[in-house]
Amino acid sequence: MKWQGWGQTDIGRVRKVNQDTFAIHQALGLWIVADGMGGHAGGEVASQLVIDTIGPYVEEHQTKKPQPKQERETLLRNALIATNQAIRTHAKNHQEFSGMGTTAVVLQISEDSPGEATIAHVGDSRAYRIQDDAMTLLTRDHSLVEDRIDLGIITREEALTHPLRNVLTQGLGIESTVEPSVQTLSLHPTDKILLCSDGLTKMMTDDEFFTVIRQHNHSLKEACQQLIEKANQLGGKDNITVVLVGAET
């Protein structure tokens, strides 16, 4: 199996600047989505630093011999930690970007282990697995409302309109240390992995974008285009970025 990805980003209907970025590194089996935050173009700079840092870091540090699961997870974890430091260093050297930050979600499927996906994330950009008859959220948002859901203080429905719904508990560049969440899962050849910013998940329900992907199952490109079009039809209140990865069989 060879896994391929397609990505697209859109400014949406409300924002004046697109602070989302994405990257597709087919040779590395690596796909990235980042959603920046911060005024004076800070979010745009922070999310671009995700792209500028993670790809080169993975290329430099991954070994040519097959890597066991633990080493693949450590690689992505360290790539995000290095990105956190790169953003903080840039902000320190450019005071106009003080306080900038970004989310990031990263997927790697190595040629040596094409039946396994390693996913690492910080913040509330998400990864989903789409199967023939179901879609599963793979990541847990690093956010205050997610913590409150876990504690039973609010329901997931209440979280959609909660006044603290945009407050993250972790983001790259925000604190001197960061603890990425990392996991590895087995893949079936017909699976697809969706990476996305919250500009998609806050405009559409999981069922809605599962339906769109299934309707355009023949084309990663068309599925991405239709997800963005649908999110914009529903208001497009934030930047929207999607990356969809599937196997060539």
C-alpha atoms as a PDB file:
ATOM      1  CA  MET A   1       0.000   0.000   0.000  1.00  0.00           C
ATOM      2  CA  LYS A   2       1.026   3.543  -0.701  1.00  0.00           C
ATOM      3  CA  TRP A   3      -0.757   6.277   1.222  1.00  0.00           C
ATOM      4  CA  GLN A   4      -1.548   9.553  -0.522  1.00  0.00           C
ATOM      5  CA  GLY A   5      -2.927  12.825   0.806  1.00  0.00           C
ATOM      6  CA  TRP A   6      -4.719  15.873  -0.485  1.00  0.00           C
ATOM      7  CA  GLY A   7      -5.118  19.155   1.379  1.00  0.00           C
ATOM      8  CA  GLN A   8      -6.881  22.468   1.029  1.00  0.00           C
ATOM      9  CA  THR A   9      -7.222  25.631   3.113  1.00  0.00           C
ATOM     10  CA  ASP A  10      -9.698  28.496   2.880  1.00  0.00           C
ATOM     11  CA  ILE A  11      -9.995  31.854   4.633  1.00  0.00           C
ATOM     12  CA  GLY A  12     -13.708  31.325   5.297  1.00  0.00           C
ATOM     13  CA  ARG A  13     -16.430  33.958   5.174  1.00  0.00           C
ATOM     14  CA  VAL A  14     -15.549  36.137   8.177  1.00  0.00           C
ATOM     15  CA  ARG A  15     -11.803  36.324   8.863  1.00  0.00           C
ATOM     16  CA  LYS A  16      -9.562  38.792   7.019  1.00  0.00           C
ATOM     17  CA  VAL A  17      -6.431  36.634   7.269  1.00  0.00           C
ATOM     18  CA  ASN A  18      -5.921  32.888   6.911  1.00  0.00           C
ATOM     19  CA  GLN A  19      -3.850  31.749   9.889  1.00  0.00           C
ATOM     20  CA  ASP A  20      -4.183  28.055   8.995  1.00  0.00           C
ATOM     21  CA  THR A  21      -1.467  26.131   7.204  1.00  0.00           C
ATOM     22  CA  PHE A  22      -0.977  22.558   6.043  1.00  0.00           C
ATOM     23  CA  ALA A  23       1.787  20.461   4.542  1.00  0.00           C
ATOM     24  CA  ILE A  24       1.926  17.241   2.559  1.00  0.00           C
ATOM     25  CA  HIS A  25       5.227  15.354   2.470  1.00  0.00           C
ATOM     26  CA  GLN A  26       4.456  12.277   0.409  1.00  0.00           C
ATOM     27  CA  ALA A  27       8.080  11.083   0.433  1.00  0.00           C
ATOM     28  CA  LEU A  28       8.084  11.067   4.237  1.00  0.00           C
ATOM     29  CA  GLY A  29       4.527   9.758   4.597  1.00  0.00           C
ATOM     30  CA  LEU A  30       3.882  12.896   6.648  1.00  0.00           C
ATOM     31  CA  TRP A  31       0.868  15.225   6.757  1.00  0.00           C
ATOM     32  CA  ILE A  32       0.355  18.315   8.952  1.00  0.00           C
ATOM     33  CA  VAL A  33      -2.397  20.833   9.792  1.00  0.00           C
ATOM     34  CA  ALA A  34      -1.815  23.906  11.972  1.00  0.00           C
ATOM     35  CA  ASP A  35      -4.178  26.651  13.147  1.00  0.00           C
ATOM     36  CA  GLY A  36      -2.420  29.812  14.319  1.00  0.00           C
ATOM     37  CA  MET A  37      -3.527  32.340  16.918  1.00  0.00           C
ATOM     38  CA  GLY A  38      -2.279  35.811  17.755  1.00  0.00           C
ATOM     39  CA  GLY A  39      -2.709  39.339  16.462  1.00  0.00           C
ATOM     40  CA  HIS A  40      -0.483  41.311  14.076  1.00  0.00           C
ATOM     41  CA  ALA A  41      -0.041  38.247  11.828  1.00  0.00           C
ATOM     42  CA  GLY A  42       1.343  36.290  14.794  1.00  0.00           C
ATOM     43  CA  GLY A  43      -0.904  33.304  14.221  1.00  0.00           C
ATOM     44  CA  GLU A  44       0.022  33.206  10.564  1.00  0.00           C
ATOM     45  CA  VAL A  45       3.726  33.204  11.470  1.00  0.00           C
ATOM     46  CA  ALA A  46       3.311  30.582  14.213  1.00  0.00           C
ATOM     47  CA  SER A  47       1.423  28.142  12.006  1.00  0.00           C
ATOM     48  CA  GLN A  48       3.961  28.580   9.209  1.00  0.00           C
ATOM     49  CA  LEU A  49       6.746  27.769  11.681  1.00  0.00           C
ATOM     50  CA  VAL A  50       4.985  24.442  12.291  1.00  0.00           C
ATOM     51  CA  ILE A  51       5.314  23.640   8.605  1.00  0.00           C
ATOM     52  CA  ASP A  52       8.874  24.962   8.379  1.00  0.00           C
ATOM     53  CA  THR A  53      10.038  22.959  11.400  1.00  0.00           C
ATOM     54  CA  ILE A  54       8.295  19.581  11.481  1.00  0.00           C
ATOM     55  CA  GLY A  55       9.037  18.353   7.964  1.00  0.00           C
ATOM     56  CA  PRO A  56      12.774  19.090   8.115  1.00  0.00           C
ATOM     57  CA  TYR A  57      12.978  17.744  11.691  1.00  0.00           C
ATOM     58  CA  VAL A  58      11.419  14.408  10.726  1.00  0.00           C
ATOM     59  CA  GLU A  59      13.557  14.119   7.607  1.00  0.00           C
ATOM     60  CA  GLU A  60      16.727  14.771   9.612  1.00  0.00           C
ATOM     61  CA  HIS A  61      16.015  12.566  12.595  1.00  0.00           C
ATOM     62  CA  GLN A  62      14.225   9.511  11.290  1.00  0.00           C
ATOM     63  CA  THR A  63      16.505   6.553  10.666  1.00  0.00           C
ATOM     64  CA  LYS A  64      16.800   4.706   7.386  1.00  0.00           C
ATOM     65  CA  LYS A  65      16.175   1.374   9.069  1.00  0.00           C
ATOM     66  CA  PRO A  66      12.640   0.393  10.129  1.00  0.00           C
ATOM     67  CA  GLN A  67      11.602   2.093  13.356  1.00  0.00           C
ATOM     68  CA  PRO A  68       9.530   0.393  16.062  1.00  0.00           C
ATOM     69  CA  LYS A  69       6.329   2.045  17.237  1.00  0.00           C
ATOM     70  CA  GLN A  70       7.928   3.711  20.267  1.00  0.00           C
ATOM     71  CA  GLU A  71      10.620   5.380  18.156  1.00  0.00           C
ATOM     72  CA  ARG A  72       8.073   6.655  15.621  1.00  0.00           C
ATOM     73  CA  GLU A  73       6.007   8.156  18.427  1.00  0.00           C
ATOM     74  CA  THR A  74       9.083   9.734  20.020  1.00  0.00           C
ATOM     75  CA  LEU A  75      10.040  11.264  16.670  1.00  0.00           C
ATOM     76  CA  LEU A  76       6.735  13.118  16.267  1.00  0.00           C
ATOM     77  CA  ARG A  77       6.656  14.108  19.937  1.00  0.00           C
ATOM     78  CA  ASN A  78      10.128  15.609  19.686  1.00  0.00           C
ATOM     79  CA  ALA A  79       9.255  17.334  16.410  1.00  0.00           C
ATOM     80  CA  LEU A  80       6.394  19.156  18.144  1.00  0.00           C
ATOM     81  CA  ILE A  81       8.590  20.025  21.129  1.00  0.00           C
ATOM     82  CA  ALA A  82      11.202  21.449  18.749  1.00  0.00           C
ATOM     83  CA  THR A  83       8.468  23.454  17.018  1.00  0.00           C
ATOM     84  CA  ASN A  84       7.328  24.875  20.348  1.00  0.00           C
ATOM     85  CA  GLN A  85      10.854  26.115  20.980  1.00  0.00           C
ATOM     86  CA  ALA A  86      11.186  27.518  17.448  1.00  0.00           C
ATOM     87  CA  ILE A  87       8.004  29.568  17.872  1.00  0.00           C
ATOM     88  CA  ARG A  88       9.059  30.884  21.267  1.00  0.00           C
ATOM     89  CA  THR A  89      12.505  31.804  19.966  1.00  0.00           C
ATOM     90  CA  HIS A  90      10.996  33.667  17.019  1.00  0.00           C
ATOM     91  CA  ALA A  91       8.616  35.554  19.307  1.00  0.00           C
ATOM     92  CA  LYS A  92      11.490  36.476  21.628  1.00  0.00           C
ATOM     93  CA  ASN A  93      13.478  37.856  18.701  1.00  0.00           C
ATOM     94  CA  HIS A  94      10.485  39.669  17.166  1.00  0.00           C
ATOM     95  CA  GLN A  95       8.532  41.433  19.892  1.00  0.00           C
ATOM     96  CA  GLU A  96       5.625  42.198  17.565  1.00  0.00           C
ATOM     97  CA  PHE A  97       4.846  38.481  17.607  1.00  0.00           C
ATOM     98  CA  SER A  98       4.927  38.140  21.398  1.00  0.00           C
ATOM     99  CA  GLY A  99       2.245  35.732  22.611  1.00  0.00           C
ATOM    100  CA  MET A 100       1.640  34.039  19.277  1.00  0.00           C
ATOM    101  CA  GLY A 101       0.802  30.370  19.221  1.00  0.00           C
ATOM    102  CA  THR A 102      -0.699  27.610  17.135  1.00  0.00           C
ATOM    103  CA  THR A 103      -2.290  24.205  17.239  1.00  0.00           C
ATOM    104  CA  ALA A 104      -0.889  21.297  15.245  1.00  0.00           C
ATOM    105  CA  VAL A 105      -1.938  17.797  14.302  1.00  0.00           C
ATOM    106  CA  VAL A 106       0.558  15.517  12.558  1.00  0.00           C
ATOM    107  CA  LEU A 107       0.102  12.137  10.863  1.00  0.00           C
ATOM    108  CA  GLN A 108       2.864   9.827   9.716  1.00  0.00           C
ATOM    109  CA  ILE A 109       2.514   6.512   7.918  1.00  0.00           C
ATOM    110  CA  SER A 110       5.982   5.191   7.154  1.00  0.00           C
ATOM    111  CA  GLU A 111       6.751   2.968   4.183  1.00  0.00           C
ATOM    112  CA  ASP A 112       8.229   0.441   6.611  1.00  0.00           C
ATOM    113  CA  SER A 113       4.936   0.169   8.535  1.00  0.00           C
ATOM    114  CA  PRO A 114       2.142   1.007   6.058  1.00  0.00           C
ATOM    115  CA  GLY A 115      -0.434  -0.695   8.239  1.00  0.00           C
ATOM    116  CA  GLU A 116       0.093   1.710  11.137  1.00  0.00           C
ATOM    117  CA  ALA A 117      -0.502   5.429  11.595  1.00  0.00           C
ATOM    118  CA  THR A 118       1.209   7.571  14.201  1.00  0.00           C
ATOM    119  CA  ILE A 119      -0.645  10.744  15.171  1.00  0.00           C
ATOM    120  CA  ALA A 120       0.587  13.567  17.410  1.00  0.00           C
ATOM    121  CA  HIS A 121      -1.233  16.768  18.291  1.00  0.00           C
ATOM    122  CA  VAL A 122      -1.278  19.860  20.466  1.00  0.00           C
ATOM    123  CA  GLY A 123      -4.406  22.002  20.768  1.00  0.00           C
ATOM    124  CA  ASP A 124      -7.789  21.440  19.132  1.00  0.00           C
ATOM    125  CA  SER A 125      -6.948  20.587  15.542  1.00  0.00           C
ATOM    126  CA  ARG A 126      -8.216  17.055  15.096  1.00  0.00           C
ATOM    127  CA  ALA A 127      -7.676  13.694  13.436  1.00  0.00           C
ATOM    128  CA  TYR A 128     -10.516  11.332  12.470  1.00  0.00           C
ATOM    129  CA  ARG A 129     -10.545   7.837  11.021  1.00  0.00           C
ATOM    130  CA  ILE A 130     -13.156   7.236   8.329  1.00  0.00           C
ATOM    131  CA  GLN A 131     -14.158   3.642   7.700  1.00  0.00           C
ATOM    132  CA  ASP A 132     -16.831   2.086   5.510  1.00  0.00           C
ATOM    133  CA  ASP A 133     -19.671   2.595   7.956  1.00  0.00           C
ATOM    134  CA  ALA A 134     -18.287   4.756  10.752  1.00  0.00           C
ATOM    135  CA  MET A 135     -16.072   7.681  11.650  1.00  0.00           C
ATOM    136  CA  THR A 136     -14.032   7.887  14.843  1.00  0.00           C
ATOM    137  CA  LEU A 137     -12.472  10.931  16.487  1.00  0.00           C
ATOM    138  CA  LEU A 138      -8.878   9.940  17.244  1.00  0.00           C
ATOM    139  CA  THR A 139      -7.665  13.016  19.126  1.00  0.00           C
ATOM    140  CA  ARG A 140      -8.778  14.711  22.324  1.00  0.00           C
ATOM    141  CA  ASP A 141      -8.880  18.513  22.258  1.00  0.00           C
ATOM    142  CA  HIS A 142      -6.506  20.247  24.661  1.00  0.00           C
ATOM    143  CA  SER A 143      -9.165  22.714  25.789  1.00  0.00           C
ATOM    144  CA  LEU A 144     -11.013  23.879  28.886  1.00  0.00           C
ATOM    145  CA  VAL A 145     -14.377  22.674  27.635  1.00  0.00           C
ATOM    146  CA  GLU A 146     -12.964  19.211  26.912  1.00  0.00           C
ATOM    147  CA  ASP A 147     -11.701  19.049  30.508  1.00  0.00           C
ATOM    148  CA  ARG A 148     -15.163  20.054  31.733  1.00  0.00           C
ATOM    149  CA  ILE A 149     -16.799  17.398  29.566  1.00  0.00           C
ATOM    150  CA  ASP A 150     -14.485  14.762  31.047  1.00  0.00           C
ATOM    151  CA  LEU A 151     -15.392  15.912  34.546  1.00  0.00           C
ATOM    152  CA  GLY A 152     -19.110  15.768  33.757  1.00  0.00           C
ATOM    153  CA  ILE A 153     -19.564  19.502  34.367  1.00  0.00           C
ATOM    154  CA  ILE A 154     -20.976  20.169  30.886  1.00  0.00           C
ATOM    155  CA  THR A 155     -22.251  18.051  28.019  1.00  0.00           C
ATOM    156  CA  ARG A 156     -20.696  17.915  24.567  1.00  0.00           C
ATOM    157  CA  GLU A 157     -23.718  19.777  23.217  1.00  0.00           C
ATOM    158  CA  GLU A 158     -23.291  22.551  25.802  1.00  0.00           C
ATOM    159  CA  ALA A 159     -19.613  22.812  24.863  1.00  0.00           C
ATOM    160  CA  LEU A 160     -20.566  23.981  21.361  1.00  0.00           C
ATOM    161  CA  THR A 161     -21.817  27.320  22.728  1.00  0.00           C
ATOM    162  CA  HIS A 162     -19.856  27.545  25.988  1.00  0.00           C
ATOM    163  CA  PRO A 163     -18.163  30.959  26.540  1.00  0.00           C
ATOM    164  CA  LEU A 164     -14.815  29.199  27.143  1.00  0.00           C
ATOM    165  CA  ARG A 165     -15.035  26.970  24.066  1.00  0.00           C
ATOM    166  CA  ASN A 166     -12.079  28.681  22.364  1.00  0.00           C
ATOM    167  CA  VAL A 167      -9.709  28.509  25.356  1.00  0.00           C
ATOM    168  CA  LEU A 168      -6.931  25.970  24.915  1.00  0.00           C
ATOM    169  CA  THR A 169      -5.046  24.240  27.727  1.00  0.00           C
ATOM    170  CA  GLN A 170      -2.099  23.622  25.388  1.00  0.00           C
ATOM    171  CA  GLY A 171      -0.760  25.267  22.263  1.00  0.00           C
ATOM    172  CA  LEU A 172       2.605  25.484  20.562  1.00  0.00           C
ATOM    173  CA  GLY A 173       4.501  28.626  21.540  1.00  0.00           C
ATOM    174  CA  ILE A 174       2.326  29.441  24.556  1.00  0.00           C
ATOM    175  CA  GLU A 175       4.425  27.925  27.352  1.00  0.00           C
ATOM    176  CA  SER A 176       8.092  26.964  27.642  1.00  0.00           C
ATOM    177  CA  THR A 177       7.163  23.283  27.804  1.00  0.00           C
ATOM    178  CA  VAL A 178       4.543  21.306  25.914  1.00  0.00           C
ATOM    179  CA  GLU A 179       3.236  17.746  26.229  1.00  0.00           C
ATOM    180  CA  PRO A 180       2.003  16.491  22.854  1.00  0.00           C
ATOM    181  CA  SER A 181      -0.485  13.648  22.780  1.00  0.00           C
ATOM    182  CA  VAL A 182       0.815  10.796  20.627  1.00  0.00           C
ATOM    183  CA  GLN A 183      -0.718   7.484  19.562  1.00  0.00           C
ATOM    184  CA  THR A 184      -0.283   4.717  17.005  1.00  0.00           C
ATOM    185  CA  LEU A 185      -3.179   2.787  15.492  1.00  0.00           C
ATOM    186  CA  SER A 186      -3.596  -0.027  13.007  1.00  0.00           C
ATOM    187  CA  LEU A 187      -4.960   0.822   9.562  1.00  0.00           C
ATOM    188  CA  HIS A 188      -7.135  -1.078   7.134  1.00  0.00           C
ATOM    189  CA  PRO A 189      -6.464  -0.477   3.425  1.00  0.00           C
ATOM    190  CA  THR A 190      -9.880   1.178   2.972  1.00  0.00           C
ATOM    191  CA  ASP A 191      -9.452   3.563   5.923  1.00  0.00           C
ATOM    192  CA  LYS A 192      -9.027   7.280   5.454  1.00  0.00           C
ATOM    193  CA  ILE A 193      -7.557   9.750   7.943  1.00  0.00           C
ATOM    194  CA  LEU A 194      -8.892  13.298   8.110  1.00  0.00           C
ATOM    195  CA  LEU A 195      -6.826  16.098   9.678  1.00  0.00           C
ATOM    196  CA  CYS A 196      -8.623  19.400  10.154  1.00  0.00           C
ATOM    197  CA  SER A 197      -8.662  22.742  11.925  1.00  0.00           C
ATOM    198  CA  ASP A 198     -11.575  23.806  14.108  1.00  0.00           C
ATOM    199  CA  GLY A 199     -12.919  25.938  11.278  1.00  0.00           C
ATOM    200  CA  LEU A 200     -14.432  22.676  10.025  1.00  0.00           C
ATOM    201  CA  THR A 201     -15.461  21.055  13.292  1.00  0.00           C
ATOM    202  CA  LYS A 202     -17.185  24.170  14.653  1.00  0.00           C
ATOM    203  CA  MET A 203     -19.293  24.593  11.517  1.00  0.00           C
ATOM    204  CA  MET A 204     -20.274  20.983  10.839  1.00  0.00           C
ATOM    205  CA  THR A 205     -21.237  17.990  12.945  1.00  0.00           C
ATOM    206  CA  ASP A 206     -19.201  14.811  12.700  1.00  0.00           C
ATOM    207  CA  ASP A 207     -22.124  13.137  10.928  1.00  0.00           C
ATOM    208  CA  GLU A 208     -22.276  15.929   8.349  1.00  0.00           C
ATOM    209  CA  PHE A 209     -18.683  15.692   7.258  1.00  0.00           C
ATOM    210  CA  PHE A 210     -18.714  11.900   7.420  1.00  0.00           C
ATOM    211  CA  THR A 211     -21.580  12.046   4.912  1.00  0.00           C
ATOM    212  CA  VAL A 212     -19.640  14.405   2.633  1.00  0.00           C
ATOM    213  CA  ILE A 213     -16.551  12.174   2.648  1.00  0.00           C
ATOM    214  CA  ARG A 214     -18.581   9.047   1.922  1.00  0.00           C
ATOM    215  CA  GLN A 215     -20.375  10.793  -0.960  1.00  0.00           C
ATOM    216  CA  HIS A 216     -17.014  11.669  -2.515  1.00  0.00           C
ATOM    217  CA  ASN A 217     -15.185   8.519  -1.513  1.00  0.00           C
ATOM    218  CA  HIS A 218     -13.679   8.153  -5.014  1.00  0.00           C
ATOM    219  CA  SER A 219     -11.617  11.352  -4.764  1.00  0.00           C
ATOM    220  CA  LEU A 220      -9.616  12.827  -1.876  1.00  0.00           C
ATOM    221  CA  LYS A 221      -9.507  16.150  -3.733  1.00  0.00           C
ATOM    222  CA  GLU A 222     -13.263  16.364  -4.266  1.00  0.00           C
ATOM    223  CA  ALA A 223     -13.967  15.351  -0.678  1.00  0.00           C
ATOM    224  CA  CYS A 224     -11.695  18.154   0.623  1.00  0.00           C
ATOM    225  CA  GLN A 225     -13.271  20.699  -1.709  1.00  0.00           C
ATOM    226  CA  GLN A 226     -16.786  19.728  -0.684  1.00  0.00           C
ATOM    227  CA  LEU A 227     -15.968  19.849   3.042  1.00  0.00           C
ATOM    228  CA  ILE A 228     -14.735  23.426   2.700  1.00  0.00           C
ATOM    229  CA  GLU A 229     -17.656  24.426   0.510  1.00  0.00           C
ATOM    230  CA  LYS A 230     -20.142  22.996   3.015  1.00  0.00           C
ATOM    231  CA  ALA A 231     -18.440  24.705   5.991  1.00  0.00           C
ATOM    232  CA  ASN A 232     -18.612  28.011   4.124  1.00  0.00           C
ATOM    233  CA  GLN A 233     -22.273  27.461   3.262  1.00  0.00           C
ATOM    234  CA  LEU A 234     -22.931  27.056   6.990  1.00  0.00           C
ATOM    235  CA  GLY A 235     -21.260  30.368   7.802  1.00  0.00           C
ATOM    236  CA  GLY A 236     -17.515  29.938   7.367  1.00  0.00           C
ATOM    237  CA  LYS A 237     -16.856  31.713  10.668  1.00  0.00           C
ATOM    238  CA  ASP A 238     -13.186  30.699  10.823  1.00  0.00           C
ATOM    239  CA  ASN A 239     -10.381  29.618   8.530  1.00  0.00           C
ATOM    240  CA  ILE A 240     -10.983  26.064   7.282  1.00  0.00           C
ATOM    241  CA  THR A 241      -8.259  23.533   6.577  1.00  0.00           C
ATOM    242  CA  VAL A 242      -8.597  19.851   5.714  1.00  0.00           C
ATOM    243  CA  VAL A 243      -6.115  17.129   4.775  1.00  0.00           C
ATOM    244  CA  LEU A 244      -7.464  13.727   3.753  1.00  0.00           C
ATOM    245  CA  VAL A 245      -5.203  10.683   3.481  1.00  0.00           C
ATOM    246  CA  GLY A 246      -6.070   7.370   1.873  1.00  0.00           C
ATOM    247  CA  ALA A 247      -4.329   4.289   0.476  1.00  0.00           C
ATOM    248  CA  GLU A 248      -3.768   3.507  -3.169  1.00  0.00           C
ATOM    249  CA  THR A 249      -4.815  -0.101  -3.654  1.00  0.00           C
END
